[in-house]
Amino acid sequence: MDVRQSIHSAHAKTLDTQGLRNEFLVEKVFIADEYTMVYSHIDRIIVGGIMP
């Protein structure tokens, strides 16, 4: 499980597009023969995917 920590709003304002993507985008949710999970402290959610 990937755990994402929250970042300070002042720091988020300084990020460019790639920086924002690195901090917030969840990619590769569905990977063949694996399960993925991301826990975000920002929204207090777990995002996951399972693919046979």
PDB file of N, CA and C in Angstrom:
ATOM      1  N   MET A   1       0.854  -1.173   0.000  1.00  0.00           N
ATOM      2  CA  MET A   1       0.000   0.000   0.000  1.00  0.00           C
ATOM      3  C   MET A   1       0.898   1.233   0.000  1.00  0.00           C
ATOM      4  N   ASP A   2       0.608   2.112  -0.925  1.00  0.00           N
ATOM      5  CA  ASP A   2       1.311   3.396  -1.004  1.00  0.00           C
ATOM      6  C   ASP A   2       0.600   4.376  -0.077  1.00  0.00           C
ATOM      7  N   VAL A   3       1.335   5.010   0.814  1.00  0.00           N
ATOM      8  CA  VAL A   3       0.761   5.979   1.746  1.00  0.00           C
ATOM      9  C   VAL A   3       1.224   7.367   1.336  1.00  0.00           C
ATOM     10  N   ARG A   4       0.261   8.244   1.097  1.00  0.00           N
ATOM     11  CA  ARG A   4       0.563   9.618   0.694  1.00  0.00           C
ATOM     12  C   ARG A   4       0.321  10.555   1.860  1.00  0.00           C
ATOM     13  N   GLN A   5       1.345  11.312   2.219  1.00  0.00           N
ATOM     14  CA  GLN A   5       1.236  12.295   3.290  1.00  0.00           C
ATOM     15  C   GLN A   5       0.678  13.601   2.728  1.00  0.00           C
ATOM     16  N   SER A   6       0.037  14.366   3.569  1.00  0.00           N
ATOM     17  CA  SER A   6      -0.469  15.662   3.121  1.00  0.00           C
ATOM     18  C   SER A   6       0.689  16.653   3.015  1.00  0.00           C
ATOM     19  N   ILE A   7       0.493  17.670   2.195  1.00  0.00           N
ATOM     20  CA  ILE A   7       1.501  18.716   2.061  1.00  0.00           C
ATOM     21  C   ILE A   7       0.879  20.044   2.487  1.00  0.00           C
ATOM     22  N   HIS A   8       1.708  20.973   2.862  1.00  0.00           N
ATOM     23  CA  HIS A   8       1.241  22.288   3.301  1.00  0.00           C
ATOM     24  C   HIS A   8       0.699  23.060   2.099  1.00  0.00           C
ATOM     25  N   SER A   9      -0.358  23.814   2.296  1.00  0.00           N
ATOM     26  CA  SER A   9      -0.974  24.562   1.198  1.00  0.00           C
ATOM     27  C   SER A   9      -0.014  25.577   0.592  1.00  0.00           C
ATOM     28  N   ALA A  10       0.861  26.156   1.396  1.00  0.00           N
ATOM     29  CA  ALA A  10       1.841  27.111   0.866  1.00  0.00           C
ATOM     30  C   ALA A  10       2.820  26.408  -0.075  1.00  0.00           C
ATOM     31  N   HIS A  11       3.172  25.177   0.253  1.00  0.00           N
ATOM     32  CA  HIS A  11       4.057  24.409  -0.627  1.00  0.00           C
ATOM     33  C   HIS A  11       3.336  24.039  -1.923  1.00  0.00           C
ATOM     34  N   ALA A  12       2.062  23.665  -1.820  1.00  0.00           N
ATOM     35  CA  ALA A  12       1.294  23.284  -3.009  1.00  0.00           C
ATOM     36  C   ALA A  12       1.188  24.445  -3.997  1.00  0.00           C
ATOM     37  N   LYS A  13       1.114  25.664  -3.500  1.00  0.00           N
ATOM     38  CA  LYS A  13       1.011  26.832  -4.379  1.00  0.00           C
ATOM     39  C   LYS A  13       2.268  27.052  -5.206  1.00  0.00           C
ATOM     40  N   THR A  14       3.394  26.522  -4.760  1.00  0.00           N
ATOM     41  CA  THR A  14       4.653  26.720  -5.484  1.00  0.00           C
ATOM     42  C   THR A  14       4.911  25.641  -6.531  1.00  0.00           C
ATOM     43  N   LEU A  15       4.094  24.610  -6.561  1.00  0.00           N
ATOM     44  CA  LEU A  15       4.330  23.491  -7.472  1.00  0.00           C
ATOM     45  C   LEU A  15       3.841  23.798  -8.878  1.00  0.00           C
ATOM     46  N   ASP A  16       4.579  23.322  -9.862  1.00  0.00           N
ATOM     47  CA  ASP A  16       4.132  23.417 -11.248  1.00  0.00           C
ATOM     48  C   ASP A  16       3.255  22.198 -11.552  1.00  0.00           C
ATOM     49  N   THR A  17       2.851  22.065 -12.806  1.00  0.00           N
ATOM     50  CA  THR A  17       1.958  20.975 -13.189  1.00  0.00           C
ATOM     51  C   THR A  17       2.556  19.616 -12.858  1.00  0.00           C
ATOM     52  N   GLN A  18       3.808  19.408 -13.190  1.00  0.00           N
ATOM     53  CA  GLN A  18       4.438  18.117 -12.917  1.00  0.00           C
ATOM     54  C   GLN A  18       4.550  17.858 -11.418  1.00  0.00           C
ATOM     55  N   GLY A  19       4.842  18.881 -10.652  1.00  0.00           N
ATOM     56  CA  GLY A  19       4.910  18.732  -9.201  1.00  0.00           C
ATOM     57  C   GLY A  19       3.567  18.348  -8.601  1.00  0.00           C
ATOM     58  N   LEU A  20       2.496  18.971  -9.082  1.00  0.00           N
ATOM     59  CA  LEU A  20       1.154  18.625  -8.614  1.00  0.00           C
ATOM     60  C   LEU A  20       0.794  17.195  -8.988  1.00  0.00           C
ATOM     61  N   ARG A  21       1.149  16.793 -10.203  1.00  0.00           N
ATOM     62  CA  ARG A  21       0.896  15.415 -10.632  1.00  0.00           C
ATOM     63  C   ARG A  21       1.641  14.428  -9.734  1.00  0.00           C
ATOM     64  N   ASN A  22       2.885  14.738  -9.405  1.00  0.00           N
ATOM     65  CA  ASN A  22       3.677  13.846  -8.554  1.00  0.00           C
ATOM     66  C   ASN A  22       3.074  13.703  -7.160  1.00  0.00           C
ATOM     67  N   GLU A  23       2.489  14.769  -6.647  1.00  0.00           N
ATOM     68  CA  GLU A  23       1.932  14.746  -5.294  1.00  0.00           C
ATOM     69  C   GLU A  23       0.540  14.120  -5.216  1.00  0.00           C
ATOM     70  N   PHE A  24      -0.293  14.330  -6.256  1.00  0.00           N
ATOM     71  CA  PHE A  24      -1.704  13.993  -6.128  1.00  0.00           C
ATOM     72  C   PHE A  24      -2.237  12.936  -7.087  1.00  0.00           C
ATOM     73  N   LEU A  25      -1.635  12.748  -8.232  1.00  0.00           N
ATOM     74  CA  LEU A  25      -2.180  11.826  -9.232  1.00  0.00           C
ATOM     75  C   LEU A  25      -1.921  10.379  -8.839  1.00  0.00           C
ATOM     76  N   VAL A  26      -2.959   9.568  -8.914  1.00  0.00           N
ATOM     77  CA  VAL A  26      -2.824   8.129  -8.677  1.00  0.00           C
ATOM     78  C   VAL A  26      -2.856   7.454 -10.046  1.00  0.00           C
ATOM     79  N   GLU A  27      -1.711   6.960 -10.477  1.00  0.00           N
ATOM     80  CA  GLU A  27      -1.611   6.280 -11.765  1.00  0.00           C
ATOM     81  C   GLU A  27      -1.508   4.776 -11.541  1.00  0.00           C
ATOM     82  N   LYS A  28      -1.730   4.035 -12.594  1.00  0.00           N
ATOM     83  CA  LYS A  28      -1.580   2.575 -12.579  1.00  0.00           C
ATOM     84  C   LYS A  28      -2.405   1.941 -11.466  1.00  0.00           C
ATOM     85  N   VAL A  29      -3.694   2.229 -11.476  1.00  0.00           N
ATOM     86  CA  VAL A  29      -4.593   1.643 -10.485  1.00  0.00           C
ATOM     87  C   VAL A  29      -4.838   0.176 -10.814  1.00  0.00           C
ATOM     88  N   PHE A  30      -4.954  -0.147 -12.104  1.00  0.00           N
ATOM     89  CA  PHE A  30      -5.216  -1.517 -12.527  1.00  0.00           C
ATOM     90  C   PHE A  30      -3.995  -2.082 -13.232  1.00  0.00           C
ATOM     91  N   ILE A  31      -3.360  -3.080 -12.605  1.00  0.00           N
ATOM     92  CA  ILE A  31      -2.190  -3.757 -13.144  1.00  0.00           C
ATOM     93  C   ILE A  31      -2.515  -5.249 -13.180  1.00  0.00           C
ATOM     94  N   ALA A  32      -2.252  -5.891 -14.311  1.00  0.00           N
ATOM     95  CA  ALA A  32      -2.593  -7.308 -14.482  1.00  0.00           C
ATOM     96  C   ALA A  32      -1.962  -8.171 -13.390  1.00  0.00           C
ATOM     97  N   ASP A  33      -2.775  -9.068 -12.816  1.00  0.00           N
ATOM     98  CA  ASP A  33      -2.351 -10.032 -11.791  1.00  0.00           C
ATOM     99  C   ASP A  33      -1.856  -9.380 -10.501  1.00  0.00           C
ATOM    100  N   GLU A  34      -2.307  -8.181 -10.214  1.00  0.00           N
ATOM    101  CA  GLU A  34      -1.901  -7.495  -8.984  1.00  0.00           C
ATOM    102  C   GLU A  34      -3.083  -6.732  -8.400  1.00  0.00           C
ATOM    103  N   TYR A  35      -2.931  -6.343  -7.151  1.00  0.00           N
ATOM    104  CA  TYR A  35      -3.855  -5.376  -6.560  1.00  0.00           C
ATOM    105  C   TYR A  35      -3.031  -4.167  -6.138  1.00  0.00           C
ATOM    106  N   THR A  36      -3.627  -3.003  -6.219  1.00  0.00           N
ATOM    107  CA  THR A  36      -2.941  -1.778  -5.827  1.00  0.00           C
ATOM    108  C   THR A  36      -3.814  -1.024  -4.833  1.00  0.00           C
ATOM    109  N   MET A  37      -3.176  -0.343  -3.903  1.00  0.00           N
ATOM    110  CA  MET A  37      -3.898   0.464  -2.935  1.00  0.00           C
ATOM    111  C   MET A  37      -3.083   1.704  -2.613  1.00  0.00           C
ATOM    112  N   VAL A  38      -3.777   2.830  -2.522  1.00  0.00           N
ATOM    113  CA  VAL A  38      -3.152   4.095  -2.142  1.00  0.00           C
ATOM    114  C   VAL A  38      -3.987   4.695  -1.019  1.00  0.00           C
ATOM    115  N   TYR A  39      -3.340   4.964   0.110  1.00  0.00           N
ATOM    116  CA  TYR A  39      -4.007   5.631   1.225  1.00  0.00           C
ATOM    117  C   TYR A  39      -3.556   7.078   1.242  1.00  0.00           C
ATOM    118  N   SER A  40      -4.516   7.990   1.196  1.00  0.00           N
ATOM    119  CA  SER A  40      -4.210   9.411   1.163  1.00  0.00           C
ATOM    120  C   SER A  40      -4.603  10.070   2.483  1.00  0.00           C
ATOM    121  N   HIS A  41      -3.629  10.681   3.143  1.00  0.00           N
ATOM    122  CA  HIS A  41      -3.916  11.433   4.365  1.00  0.00           C
ATOM    123  C   HIS A  41      -4.643  12.741   4.044  1.00  0.00           C
ATOM    124  N   ILE A  42      -4.562  13.188   2.799  1.00  0.00           N
ATOM    125  CA  ILE A  42      -5.202  14.444   2.408  1.00  0.00           C
ATOM    126  C   ILE A  42      -6.719  14.318   2.506  1.00  0.00           C
ATOM    127  N   ASP A  43      -7.263  13.292   1.876  1.00  0.00           N
ATOM    128  CA  ASP A  43      -8.710  13.091   1.868  1.00  0.00           C
ATOM    129  C   ASP A  43      -9.155  11.984   2.812  1.00  0.00           C
ATOM    130  N   ARG A  44      -8.185  11.318   3.438  1.00  0.00           N
ATOM    131  CA  ARG A  44      -8.466  10.168   4.301  1.00  0.00           C
ATOM    132  C   ARG A  44      -9.256   9.107   3.545  1.00  0.00           C
ATOM    133  N   ILE A  45      -8.740   8.757   2.367  1.00  0.00           N
ATOM    134  CA  ILE A  45      -9.395   7.749   1.541  1.00  0.00           C
ATOM    135  C   ILE A  45      -8.389   6.682   1.132  1.00  0.00           C
ATOM    136  N   ILE A  46      -8.927   5.534   0.762  1.00  0.00           N
ATOM    137  CA  ILE A  46      -8.123   4.476   0.162  1.00  0.00           C
ATOM    138  C   ILE A  46      -8.669   4.249  -1.237  1.00  0.00           C
ATOM    139  N   VAL A  47      -7.777   4.322  -2.222  1.00  0.00           N
ATOM    140  CA  VAL A  47      -8.128   4.058  -3.613  1.00  0.00           C
ATOM    141  C   VAL A  47      -7.443   2.756  -3.986  1.00  0.00           C
ATOM    142  N   GLY A  48      -8.187   1.846  -4.583  1.00  0.00           N
ATOM    143  CA  GLY A  48      -7.579   0.567  -4.927  1.00  0.00           C
ATOM    144  C   GLY A  48      -8.142  -0.006  -6.202  1.00  0.00           C
ATOM    145  N   GLY A  49      -7.397  -0.952  -6.746  1.00  0.00           N
ATOM    146  CA  GLY A  49      -7.829  -1.639  -7.948  1.00  0.00           C
ATOM    147  C   GLY A  49      -7.320  -3.067  -7.947  1.00  0.00           C
ATOM    148  N   ILE A  50      -8.143  -3.969  -8.482  1.00  0.00           N
ATOM    149  CA  ILE A  50      -7.765  -5.373  -8.612  1.00  0.00           C
ATOM    150  C   ILE A  50      -8.063  -5.791 -10.042  1.00  0.00           C
ATOM    151  N   MET A  51      -7.091  -6.464 -10.660  1.00  0.00           N
ATOM    152  CA  MET A  51      -7.265  -6.913 -12.046  1.00  0.00           C
ATOM    153  C   MET A  51      -6.770  -8.347 -12.155  1.00  0.00           C
ATOM    154  N   PRO A  52      -7.623  -9.251 -12.662  1.00  0.00           N
ATOM    155  CA  PRO A  52      -7.193 -10.649 -12.803  1.00  0.00           C
ATOM    156  C   PRO A  52      -6.126 -10.814 -13.874  1.00  0.00           C
TER     157      PRO A  52
END
